[in-house]
Amino acid sequence: MIRIALPTLALIALLTGCVAAPEVVSESPAASNPTSDVSCERAEPEVIDMTGATWQHPQSSFYDGTEEVIPGEYDLEHLLRSDNAIVVIYDRENLPDAAIAPLQGWITYETAAVALPSTDEPRAPIEVRLPGSLVTLCDGVDIIQLDALSQSRTFGEVEEHGESSEEE
């Protein structure tokens, strides 16, 4: 029962107004795990103009690419700017299923987090976006490094807002 309840609670926390979302403590360097073959490095964020943009909260924390609708750039940028979320974009074409399965399991237990396949030319097998325009590119999935990046955020307050830009 706990195994079922925790993913449900994580999804509810992401989708119900995000009242206790994490915020970035400081600019943390790319995470490292000395026992891993996966390497990560900081990268320049893409600048996204949100002027007049419409957004909505994702309906799931993990997308495998078979869904009819997945979150777009404005949805993801809203999560980063307003909900202090962690966004993981993965290269579905070049990342083996054996690497995607642990990513799916990990993201399910994270608060204010979403993982989805890249819809454009991916910059790396894994692109991790954090609040404050922090971007880390990794050449594979390493849960220890993902944990370290996620934990660079601390829980804080965010402004109350609806589930989409139409509710504001």
C-alpha atoms as a PDB file:
ATOM      1  CA  MET A   1       0.000   0.000   0.000  1.00  0.00           C
ATOM      2  CA  ILE A   2       2.859   2.400   0.764  1.00  0.00           C
ATOM      3  CA  ARG A   3       4.389   1.744  -2.668  1.00  0.00           C
ATOM      4  CA  ILE A   4       1.131   2.875  -4.287  1.00  0.00           C
ATOM      5  CA  ALA A   5       0.463   5.766  -1.909  1.00  0.00           C
ATOM      6  CA  LEU A   6       3.834   7.492  -2.275  1.00  0.00           C
ATOM      7  CA  PRO A   7       3.651   7.965  -6.072  1.00  0.00           C
ATOM      8  CA  THR A   8       0.079   9.170  -5.699  1.00  0.00           C
ATOM      9  CA  LEU A   9       1.085  11.653  -2.992  1.00  0.00           C
ATOM     10  CA  ALA A  10       3.986  12.914  -5.106  1.00  0.00           C
ATOM     11  CA  LEU A  11       1.678  13.515  -8.066  1.00  0.00           C
ATOM     12  CA  ILE A  12      -0.909  15.214  -5.841  1.00  0.00           C
ATOM     13  CA  ALA A  13       1.798  17.508  -4.424  1.00  0.00           C
ATOM     14  CA  LEU A  14       2.812  18.499  -7.952  1.00  0.00           C
ATOM     15  CA  LEU A  15      -0.710  19.076  -9.179  1.00  0.00           C
ATOM     16  CA  THR A  16      -2.503  20.696  -6.227  1.00  0.00           C
ATOM     17  CA  GLY A  17      -1.374  24.265  -6.208  1.00  0.00           C
ATOM     18  CA  CYS A  18       2.259  23.675  -5.341  1.00  0.00           C
ATOM     19  CA  VAL A  19       2.024  25.394  -1.940  1.00  0.00           C
ATOM     20  CA  ALA A  20       5.273  24.011  -0.563  1.00  0.00           C
ATOM     21  CA  ALA A  21       7.503  23.719  -3.594  1.00  0.00           C
ATOM     22  CA  PRO A  22      11.277  23.787  -3.318  1.00  0.00           C
ATOM     23  CA  GLU A  23      13.416  26.781  -4.185  1.00  0.00           C
ATOM     24  CA  VAL A  24      17.063  26.944  -5.206  1.00  0.00           C
ATOM     25  CA  VAL A  25      19.437  27.567  -2.319  1.00  0.00           C
ATOM     26  CA  SER A  26      22.405  28.537  -4.442  1.00  0.00           C
ATOM     27  CA  GLU A  27      23.959  27.848  -7.775  1.00  0.00           C
ATOM     28  CA  SER A  28      25.064  24.297  -7.272  1.00  0.00           C
ATOM     29  CA  PRO A  29      27.678  22.804  -9.594  1.00  0.00           C
ATOM     30  CA  ALA A  30      26.922  19.746 -11.652  1.00  0.00           C
ATOM     31  CA  ALA A  31      26.428  16.802  -9.357  1.00  0.00           C
ATOM     32  CA  SER A  32      29.088  14.153  -9.178  1.00  0.00           C
ATOM     33  CA  ASN A  33      29.159  10.514  -8.209  1.00  0.00           C
ATOM     34  CA  PRO A  34      32.700   9.074  -8.101  1.00  0.00           C
ATOM     35  CA  THR A  35      31.381   5.524  -8.544  1.00  0.00           C
ATOM     36  CA  SER A  36      29.402   6.326 -11.704  1.00  0.00           C
ATOM     37  CA  ASP A  37      30.320   6.179 -15.374  1.00  0.00           C
ATOM     38  CA  VAL A  38      27.811   8.989 -16.017  1.00  0.00           C
ATOM     39  CA  SER A  39      29.276  12.463 -16.321  1.00  0.00           C
ATOM     40  CA  CYS A  40      27.360  15.709 -15.965  1.00  0.00           C
ATOM     41  CA  GLU A  41      28.252  19.311 -16.657  1.00  0.00           C
ATOM     42  CA  ARG A  42      26.625  22.717 -16.328  1.00  0.00           C
ATOM     43  CA  ALA A  43      25.218  24.264 -19.498  1.00  0.00           C
ATOM     44  CA  GLU A  44      23.751  27.556 -20.593  1.00  0.00           C
ATOM     45  CA  PRO A  45      19.976  27.704 -20.244  1.00  0.00           C
ATOM     46  CA  GLU A  46      17.735  28.555 -23.159  1.00  0.00           C
ATOM     47  CA  VAL A  47      16.007  31.890 -22.606  1.00  0.00           C
ATOM     48  CA  ILE A  48      12.239  31.592 -22.879  1.00  0.00           C
ATOM     49  CA  ASP A  49      10.062  34.690 -23.076  1.00  0.00           C
ATOM     50  CA  MET A  50       6.889  34.070 -21.065  1.00  0.00           C
ATOM     51  CA  THR A  51       5.208  37.346 -22.069  1.00  0.00           C
ATOM     52  CA  GLY A  52       1.594  36.500 -22.866  1.00  0.00           C
ATOM     53  CA  ALA A  53       2.303  32.773 -22.630  1.00  0.00           C
ATOM     54  CA  THR A  54      -0.369  30.294 -21.618  1.00  0.00           C
ATOM     55  CA  TRP A  55       0.560  27.311 -19.455  1.00  0.00           C
ATOM     56  CA  GLN A  56      -0.953  24.491 -17.471  1.00  0.00           C
ATOM     57  CA  HIS A  57       0.324  22.085 -14.859  1.00  0.00           C
ATOM     58  CA  PRO A  58       1.276  18.642 -16.168  1.00  0.00           C
ATOM     59  CA  GLN A  59      -1.162  15.802 -15.577  1.00  0.00           C
ATOM     60  CA  SER A  60       1.645  13.369 -14.778  1.00  0.00           C
ATOM     61  CA  SER A  61       5.175  13.373 -13.407  1.00  0.00           C
ATOM     62  CA  PHE A  62       6.526  11.013 -16.104  1.00  0.00           C
ATOM     63  CA  TYR A  63       5.881  10.987 -19.836  1.00  0.00           C
ATOM     64  CA  ASP A  64       7.148   8.193 -22.078  1.00  0.00           C
ATOM     65  CA  GLY A  65       6.316   9.872 -25.395  1.00  0.00           C
ATOM     66  CA  THR A  66       3.220   7.828 -26.211  1.00  0.00           C
ATOM     67  CA  GLU A  67       0.831  10.397 -24.729  1.00  0.00           C
ATOM     68  CA  GLU A  68      -1.291  12.530 -27.054  1.00  0.00           C
ATOM     69  CA  VAL A  69      -0.294  15.689 -25.194  1.00  0.00           C
ATOM     70  CA  ILE A  70       2.876  16.341 -23.231  1.00  0.00           C
ATOM     71  CA  PRO A  71       3.883  19.568 -21.461  1.00  0.00           C
ATOM     72  CA  GLY A  72       5.245  22.280 -23.752  1.00  0.00           C
ATOM     73  CA  GLU A  73       8.021  24.797 -23.148  1.00  0.00           C
ATOM     74  CA  TYR A  74       5.701  27.331 -21.474  1.00  0.00           C
ATOM     75  CA  ASP A  75       4.328  24.646 -19.149  1.00  0.00           C
ATOM     76  CA  LEU A  76       7.867  23.611 -18.189  1.00  0.00           C
ATOM     77  CA  GLU A  77       9.068  27.177 -17.784  1.00  0.00           C
ATOM     78  CA  HIS A  78       6.118  27.917 -15.499  1.00  0.00           C
ATOM     79  CA  LEU A  79       7.101  24.929 -13.337  1.00  0.00           C
ATOM     80  CA  LEU A  80      10.647  26.256 -13.047  1.00  0.00           C
ATOM     81  CA  ARG A  81       9.760  29.903 -12.409  1.00  0.00           C
ATOM     82  CA  SER A  82       6.630  29.593 -10.277  1.00  0.00           C
ATOM     83  CA  ASP A  83       6.707  26.126  -8.716  1.00  0.00           C
ATOM     84  CA  ASN A  84      10.463  25.659  -8.251  1.00  0.00           C
ATOM     85  CA  ALA A  85      10.250  22.269  -9.910  1.00  0.00           C
ATOM     86  CA  ILE A  86      12.933  20.046 -11.375  1.00  0.00           C
ATOM     87  CA  VAL A  87      12.435  19.181 -15.046  1.00  0.00           C
ATOM     88  CA  VAL A  88      14.240  16.247 -16.649  1.00  0.00           C
ATOM     89  CA  ILE A  89      14.220  16.013 -20.436  1.00  0.00           C
ATOM     90  CA  TYR A  90      15.550  12.750 -21.821  1.00  0.00           C
ATOM     91  CA  ASP A  91      16.571  11.545 -25.271  1.00  0.00           C
ATOM     92  CA  ARG A  92      14.120   8.708 -25.943  1.00  0.00           C
ATOM     93  CA  GLU A  93      15.851   7.732 -29.179  1.00  0.00           C
ATOM     94  CA  ASN A  94      19.340   7.228 -27.727  1.00  0.00           C
ATOM     95  CA  LEU A  95      18.691   6.294 -24.106  1.00  0.00           C
ATOM     96  CA  PRO A  96      18.149   2.560 -23.496  1.00  0.00           C
ATOM     97  CA  ASP A  97      14.974   1.352 -21.759  1.00  0.00           C
ATOM     98  CA  ALA A  98      17.227   0.055 -18.971  1.00  0.00           C
ATOM     99  CA  ALA A  99      18.134   3.688 -18.199  1.00  0.00           C
ATOM    100  CA  ILE A 100      14.620   5.092 -18.605  1.00  0.00           C
ATOM    101  CA  ALA A 101      13.033   2.688 -16.100  1.00  0.00           C
ATOM    102  CA  PRO A 102      15.104   3.957 -13.127  1.00  0.00           C
ATOM    103  CA  LEU A 103      14.406   7.547 -14.218  1.00  0.00           C
ATOM    104  CA  GLN A 104      10.680   6.831 -14.202  1.00  0.00           C
ATOM    105  CA  GLY A 105      10.890   5.263 -10.750  1.00  0.00           C
ATOM    106  CA  TRP A 106      12.949   8.140  -9.372  1.00  0.00           C
ATOM    107  CA  ILE A 107      10.788  10.965 -10.752  1.00  0.00           C
ATOM    108  CA  THR A 108       7.660   9.383  -9.256  1.00  0.00           C
ATOM    109  CA  TYR A 109       8.940  10.004  -5.731  1.00  0.00           C
ATOM    110  CA  GLU A 110      10.235  13.546  -6.305  1.00  0.00           C
ATOM    111  CA  THR A 111       8.213  16.580  -5.252  1.00  0.00           C
ATOM    112  CA  ALA A 112       7.498  19.180  -7.943  1.00  0.00           C
ATOM    113  CA  ALA A 113       9.187  17.169 -10.690  1.00  0.00           C
ATOM    114  CA  VAL A 114       8.453  16.068 -14.220  1.00  0.00           C
ATOM    115  CA  ALA A 115      10.360  13.951 -16.765  1.00  0.00           C
ATOM    116  CA  LEU A 116       9.545  13.842 -20.451  1.00  0.00           C
ATOM    117  CA  PRO A 117      11.178  12.930 -23.747  1.00  0.00           C
ATOM    118  CA  SER A 118      12.745  15.665 -25.838  1.00  0.00           C
ATOM    119  CA  THR A 119      10.582  16.943 -28.674  1.00  0.00           C
ATOM    120  CA  ASP A 120      13.493  18.803 -30.310  1.00  0.00           C
ATOM    121  CA  GLU A 121      17.067  17.839 -31.054  1.00  0.00           C
ATOM    122  CA  PRO A 122      18.304  16.856 -27.559  1.00  0.00           C
ATOM    123  CA  ARG A 123      21.357  18.622 -26.161  1.00  0.00           C
ATOM    124  CA  ALA A 124      22.333  15.471 -24.221  1.00  0.00           C
ATOM    125  CA  PRO A 125      20.841  12.104 -23.222  1.00  0.00           C
ATOM    126  CA  ILE A 126      19.645  13.812 -20.005  1.00  0.00           C
ATOM    127  CA  GLU A 127      18.974  17.532 -19.537  1.00  0.00           C
ATOM    128  CA  VAL A 128      18.139  18.580 -15.990  1.00  0.00           C
ATOM    129  CA  ARG A 129      16.574  22.005 -15.532  1.00  0.00           C
ATOM    130  CA  LEU A 130      16.380  23.618 -12.106  1.00  0.00           C
ATOM    131  CA  PRO A 131      14.866  26.894 -10.919  1.00  0.00           C
ATOM    132  CA  GLY A 132      17.058  29.935 -11.419  1.00  0.00           C
ATOM    133  CA  SER A 133      18.041  28.964 -14.980  1.00  0.00           C
ATOM    134  CA  LEU A 134      20.358  26.183 -13.824  1.00  0.00           C
ATOM    135  CA  VAL A 135      20.848  23.493 -16.459  1.00  0.00           C
ATOM    136  CA  THR A 136      22.903  20.319 -16.177  1.00  0.00           C
ATOM    137  CA  LEU A 137      23.561  17.969 -19.089  1.00  0.00           C
ATOM    138  CA  CYS A 138      24.362  14.307 -18.393  1.00  0.00           C
ATOM    139  CA  ASP A 139      25.453  11.523 -20.709  1.00  0.00           C
ATOM    140  CA  GLY A 140      23.237   8.988 -18.930  1.00  0.00           C
ATOM    141  CA  VAL A 141      20.967   8.364 -15.966  1.00  0.00           C
ATOM    142  CA  ASP A 142      22.543   8.328 -12.510  1.00  0.00           C
ATOM    143  CA  ILE A 143      19.992   8.447  -9.689  1.00  0.00           C
ATOM    144  CA  ILE A 144      22.614   9.603  -7.159  1.00  0.00           C
ATOM    145  CA  GLN A 145      23.458  12.616  -9.314  1.00  0.00           C
ATOM    146  CA  LEU A 146      19.771  13.344  -9.963  1.00  0.00           C
ATOM    147  CA  ASP A 147      19.160  13.220  -6.203  1.00  0.00           C
ATOM    148  CA  ALA A 148      22.006  15.663  -5.586  1.00  0.00           C
ATOM    149  CA  LEU A 149      20.653  18.078  -8.170  1.00  0.00           C
ATOM    150  CA  SER A 150      17.137  17.804  -6.784  1.00  0.00           C
ATOM    151  CA  GLN A 151      18.356  18.314  -3.224  1.00  0.00           C
ATOM    152  CA  SER A 152      20.053  21.567  -4.209  1.00  0.00           C
ATOM    153  CA  ARG A 153      16.548  22.996  -3.762  1.00  0.00           C
ATOM    154  CA  THR A 154      15.009  23.698  -0.356  1.00  0.00           C
ATOM    155  CA  PHE A 155      11.337  23.835   0.426  1.00  0.00           C
ATOM    156  CA  GLY A 156       9.817  27.285   0.495  1.00  0.00           C
ATOM    157  CA  GLU A 157       6.663  29.186  -0.223  1.00  0.00           C
ATOM    158  CA  VAL A 158       5.317  29.968  -3.675  1.00  0.00           C
ATOM    159  CA  GLU A 159       2.472  32.248  -4.618  1.00  0.00           C
ATOM    160  CA  GLU A 160      -0.922  30.585  -4.856  1.00  0.00           C
ATOM    161  CA  HIS A 161      -2.031  30.114  -8.443  1.00  0.00           C
ATOM    162  CA  GLY A 162      -4.395  27.933 -10.432  1.00  0.00           C
ATOM    163  CA  GLU A 163      -3.770  24.874 -12.548  1.00  0.00           C
ATOM    164  CA  SER A 164      -3.388  26.922 -15.745  1.00  0.00           C
ATOM    165  CA  SER A 165      -2.799  30.476 -16.906  1.00  0.00           C
ATOM    166  CA  GLU A 166      -6.529  30.783 -17.600  1.00  0.00           C
ATOM    167  CA  GLU A 167      -7.256  30.456 -13.846  1.00  0.00           C
ATOM    168  CA  GLU A 168      -4.990  33.343 -12.795  1.00  0.00           C
END
